[in-house]
Amino acid sequence: MITLHGFAYSNYYNIIKHVLLYKNIPFTESLQYGANEQFLEISPAGKIPAITTEQGIHLSESSVCCDYLEDAYPEEPLYPANNEARAQVRQIMKISELYLELPCRRLIPFVFTQTAVPKVVAEEVRNTLSRGIEALIHLCVFTPYLAGSKLTMADIYLHYVMNVVDGVGSSALDWKIGDEIEGLTEWQTLIAGCDIAQKISVDREANREDFFATMMARVNNQPK
């Protein structure tokens, strides 16, 4: 059985969890917040999430885990059969990560400590987000899913990316980022309403208190 390592408040963790549930792959969950030698044996860069396959192989990086699960468990496919269409799905995933999630992640320390975002950081993040927004406007069709009439890995990926964009980026920048992409709000409602997304949302909220307590303990233990 596959083991999913990480914590339920992580958007990247929830991408993999959603894929596992969608494909009906049996798995267990191992609570890990990283930053320890034992976890580095599973995820060499110490990143959340990671999975251990049924064969005992450890894999990290969300996109790598997504591709592995698609290849190893082709039932209930999340990529189109056509090579070009598959690449287009991966393009949406990569842009979501590089131009939406990662720039918003730069703002987490300021939101967490309730301090003002430096002007230069805010400007850099806004510029990167604007590039991502324009790209997604160009690439996504919302009919009703991002790449067409069928749910794909891109829908799962962007859904959890938007947790960070809405929860961190929009609040830190006072900017409703998702409103810039026509059709995104309706699409978010569609994805959030499915049984899997609702279950993951419940699990995420259940982990909130422990996650923030763990992060605060790390901050307090840091040398001055």
Protein backbone atom coordinates (compact mmCIF):
# COMPACT_ATOMS: atom_id res chain seq x y z
CA MET A 1 0.00 0.00 0.00
CA ILE A 2 1.18 3.53 -0.78
CA THR A 3 2.13 5.81 2.11
CA LEU A 4 1.55 9.54 1.74
CA HIS A 5 3.92 11.59 3.91
CA GLY A 6 3.18 15.14 4.96
CA PHE A 7 0.42 17.11 6.62
CA ALA A 8 -3.15 17.92 5.67
CA TYR A 9 -2.75 21.71 5.76
CA SER A 10 -0.29 21.56 2.86
CA ASN A 11 -1.77 22.35 -0.55
CA TYR A 12 0.85 20.19 -2.29
CA TYR A 13 0.05 17.29 0.04
CA ASN A 14 -3.61 17.67 -0.85
CA ILE A 15 -2.91 17.55 -4.57
CA ILE A 16 -1.47 14.06 -4.16
CA LYS A 17 -4.18 13.03 -1.70
CA HIS A 18 -6.89 14.12 -4.15
CA VAL A 19 -5.29 12.07 -6.94
CA LEU A 20 -5.08 9.00 -4.69
CA LEU A 21 -8.72 9.32 -3.71
CA TYR A 22 -9.88 10.03 -7.26
CA LYS A 23 -8.11 6.94 -8.57
CA ASN A 24 -9.32 4.81 -5.62
CA ILE A 25 -5.73 3.87 -4.76
CA PRO A 26 -5.40 2.42 -1.24
CA PHE A 27 -3.02 4.49 0.89
CA THR A 28 -2.10 5.38 4.43
CA GLU A 29 -1.08 8.77 5.75
CA SER A 30 2.08 9.48 7.73
CA LEU A 31 2.08 12.83 9.54
CA GLN A 32 5.33 14.62 8.78
CA TYR A 33 6.29 18.27 9.04
CA GLY A 34 9.76 17.67 7.62
CA ALA A 35 12.94 19.18 9.07
CA ASN A 36 14.28 15.97 10.59
CA GLU A 37 16.89 13.41 9.54
CA GLN A 38 14.39 10.57 9.32
CA PHE A 39 12.25 12.44 6.83
CA LEU A 40 15.29 13.31 4.71
CA GLU A 41 15.65 9.60 4.00
CA ILE A 42 12.22 9.75 2.39
CA SER A 43 12.38 13.21 0.81
CA PRO A 44 16.05 14.15 0.18
CA ALA A 45 15.29 17.87 -0.11
CA GLY A 46 13.05 17.73 2.96
CA LYS A 47 10.02 18.83 0.97
CA ILE A 48 6.39 17.96 1.67
CA PRO A 49 4.80 15.82 0.35
CA ALA A 50 6.44 12.52 -0.46
CA ILE A 51 5.11 9.05 -1.15
CA THR A 52 6.43 5.57 -0.56
CA THR A 53 5.29 3.21 -3.28
CA GLU A 54 4.08 -0.34 -2.79
CA GLN A 55 7.57 -1.44 -3.83
CA GLY A 56 9.16 0.67 -1.07
CA ILE A 57 10.52 3.40 -3.37
CA HIS A 58 10.42 6.95 -2.00
CA LEU A 59 9.34 9.78 -4.32
CA SER A 60 9.02 13.51 -3.70
CA GLU A 61 7.99 16.63 -5.68
CA SER A 62 4.26 16.85 -6.34
CA SER A 63 4.39 16.78 -10.14
CA VAL A 64 6.66 13.71 -10.03
CA CYS A 65 4.25 11.94 -7.69
CA CYS A 66 1.30 12.89 -9.91
CA ASP A 67 3.00 11.47 -13.00
CA TYR A 68 3.97 8.29 -11.15
CA LEU A 69 0.42 7.69 -9.95
CA GLU A 70 -0.93 8.25 -13.45
CA ASP A 71 1.57 5.82 -14.97
CA ALA A 72 1.31 3.16 -12.26
CA TYR A 73 -2.47 3.36 -11.88
CA PRO A 74 -3.86 4.21 -15.35
CA GLU A 75 -7.44 3.49 -14.34
CA GLU A 76 -9.47 6.69 -13.96
CA PRO A 77 -6.98 8.67 -16.08
CA LEU A 78 -6.27 12.31 -15.25
CA TYR A 79 -4.30 13.09 -18.39
CA PRO A 80 -5.70 13.03 -21.96
CA ALA A 81 -4.57 10.23 -24.27
CA ASN A 82 -3.38 12.69 -26.93
CA ASN A 83 0.27 13.74 -26.45
CA GLU A 84 -0.35 17.40 -27.26
CA ALA A 85 -3.34 17.57 -24.94
CA ARG A 86 -1.33 15.93 -22.16
CA ALA A 87 1.39 18.54 -22.62
CA GLN A 88 -1.20 21.32 -22.47
CA VAL A 89 -2.48 19.97 -19.14
CA ARG A 90 1.08 19.88 -17.79
CA GLN A 91 1.61 23.43 -19.07
CA ILE A 92 -1.33 24.68 -16.97
CA MET A 93 0.05 22.81 -13.95
CA LYS A 94 3.52 24.29 -14.34
CA ILE A 95 2.27 27.84 -14.85
CA SER A 96 -0.02 27.47 -11.82
CA GLU A 97 2.95 26.46 -9.73
CA LEU A 98 5.59 28.88 -11.02
CA TYR A 99 3.50 31.99 -11.59
CA LEU A 100 0.78 31.71 -8.94
CA GLU A 101 1.70 29.42 -6.05
CA LEU A 102 5.41 30.12 -5.68
CA PRO A 103 5.18 33.94 -5.78
CA CYS A 104 2.34 33.87 -3.24
CA ARG A 105 4.40 31.56 -1.06
CA ARG A 106 6.92 34.41 -0.68
CA LEU A 107 4.22 36.27 1.25
CA ILE A 108 3.56 33.54 3.83
CA PRO A 109 6.15 34.80 6.39
CA PHE A 110 4.55 38.24 6.38
CA VAL A 111 1.03 36.86 6.74
CA PHE A 112 2.17 34.44 9.44
CA THR A 113 3.89 37.19 11.47
CA GLN A 114 1.25 39.81 10.59
CA THR A 115 3.87 42.21 9.29
CA ALA A 116 3.70 44.47 6.25
CA VAL A 117 4.98 43.12 2.95
CA PRO A 118 7.96 45.23 1.78
CA LYS A 119 7.06 47.30 -1.24
CA VAL A 120 9.73 45.74 -3.46
CA VAL A 121 8.55 42.20 -2.60
CA ALA A 122 4.90 43.10 -3.20
CA GLU A 123 5.76 44.60 -6.58
CA GLU A 124 7.80 41.58 -7.65
CA VAL A 125 5.03 39.19 -6.60
CA ARG A 126 2.36 41.25 -8.37
CA ASN A 127 4.38 41.27 -11.58
CA THR A 128 4.85 37.50 -11.52
CA LEU A 129 1.20 36.91 -10.69
CA SER A 130 0.13 39.13 -13.58
CA ARG A 131 2.16 36.97 -15.98
CA GLY A 132 0.51 33.85 -14.59
CA ILE A 133 -2.96 35.34 -14.82
CA GLU A 134 -2.47 36.30 -18.46
CA ALA A 135 -1.15 32.83 -19.27
CA LEU A 136 -4.10 31.08 -17.63
CA ILE A 137 -6.58 33.38 -19.36
CA HIS A 138 -5.00 32.24 -22.62
CA LEU A 139 -4.80 28.52 -21.77
CA CYS A 140 -7.92 27.66 -19.74
CA VAL A 141 -11.28 27.06 -21.43
CA PHE A 142 -13.58 26.35 -18.43
CA THR A 143 -15.96 24.06 -20.35
CA PRO A 144 -16.54 23.30 -17.52
CA TYR A 145 -13.00 22.15 -16.61
CA LEU A 146 -9.73 23.90 -17.31
CA ALA A 147 -8.83 21.86 -20.39
CA GLY A 148 -12.27 20.86 -21.62
CA SER A 149 -15.17 18.61 -20.72
CA LYS A 150 -13.20 16.17 -18.52
CA LEU A 151 -11.47 16.63 -15.19
CA THR A 152 -7.69 16.50 -15.54
CA MET A 153 -4.65 16.74 -13.30
CA ALA A 154 -4.59 20.47 -14.06
CA ASP A 155 -7.93 20.96 -12.29
CA ILE A 156 -6.67 19.23 -9.15
CA TYR A 157 -3.39 21.12 -9.24
CA LEU A 158 -4.86 24.59 -9.69
CA HIS A 159 -7.62 23.98 -7.14
CA TYR A 160 -5.06 23.52 -4.35
CA VAL A 161 -2.75 26.21 -5.71
CA MET A 162 -5.65 28.62 -5.29
CA ASN A 163 -5.76 27.79 -1.57
CA VAL A 164 -2.46 29.65 -1.26
CA VAL A 165 -3.36 32.35 -3.77
CA ASP A 166 -6.68 33.14 -2.07
CA GLY A 167 -5.53 32.57 1.49
CA VAL A 168 -2.17 34.33 1.31
CA GLY A 169 -1.72 36.32 -1.87
CA SER A 170 -5.12 37.99 -1.96
CA SER A 171 -5.01 39.00 1.70
CA ALA A 172 -1.40 40.19 1.71
CA LEU A 173 -1.78 42.22 -1.47
CA ASP A 174 -5.41 43.29 -0.91
CA TRP A 175 -6.16 41.95 -4.37
CA LYS A 176 -8.82 39.41 -5.34
CA ILE A 177 -6.47 37.65 -7.69
CA GLY A 178 -8.89 34.99 -8.88
CA ASP A 179 -11.36 37.61 -10.09
CA GLU A 180 -8.90 38.53 -12.84
CA ILE A 181 -9.56 35.22 -14.65
CA GLU A 182 -13.05 35.02 -16.13
CA GLY A 183 -14.70 31.71 -15.32
CA LEU A 184 -12.34 30.86 -12.46
CA THR A 185 -14.81 31.58 -9.64
CA GLU A 186 -17.47 29.30 -11.12
CA TRP A 187 -14.86 26.62 -11.75
CA GLN A 188 -13.63 26.86 -8.15
CA THR A 189 -17.19 26.31 -6.92
CA LEU A 190 -17.50 23.26 -9.16
CA ILE A 191 -14.28 21.63 -7.95
CA ALA A 192 -14.79 22.55 -4.29
CA GLY A 193 -18.23 20.95 -4.37
CA CYS A 194 -17.05 17.45 -5.21
CA ASP A 195 -16.98 14.84 -2.44
CA ILE A 196 -13.19 14.40 -2.55
CA ALA A 197 -12.45 18.12 -2.26
CA GLN A 198 -14.91 18.44 0.62
CA LYS A 199 -13.32 15.54 2.50
CA ILE A 200 -9.86 17.02 2.01
CA SER A 201 -11.11 20.42 3.17
CA VAL A 202 -12.41 18.87 6.41
CA ASP A 203 -9.08 17.09 6.98
CA ARG A 204 -7.20 20.32 6.25
CA GLU A 205 -9.16 22.28 8.83
CA ALA A 206 -8.67 19.50 11.38
CA ASN A 207 -4.90 19.89 10.94
CA ARG A 208 -4.91 23.71 11.16
CA GLU A 209 -4.28 24.08 14.90
CA ASP A 210 -1.49 21.51 15.04
CA PHE A 211 0.17 22.93 11.93
CA PHE A 212 0.25 26.50 13.23
CA ALA A 213 1.41 25.36 16.67
CA THR A 214 4.27 23.46 15.03
CA MET A 215 5.26 26.42 12.87
CA MET A 216 5.13 28.82 15.80
CA ALA A 217 7.31 26.50 17.87
CA ARG A 218 9.90 26.53 15.08
CA VAL A 219 9.83 30.30 14.90
CA ASN A 220 10.26 30.63 18.66
CA ASN A 221 13.15 28.17 18.71
CA GLN A 222 15.09 29.95 16.01
CA PRO A 223 18.31 31.63 17.21
CA LYS A 224 18.12 35.39 17.49
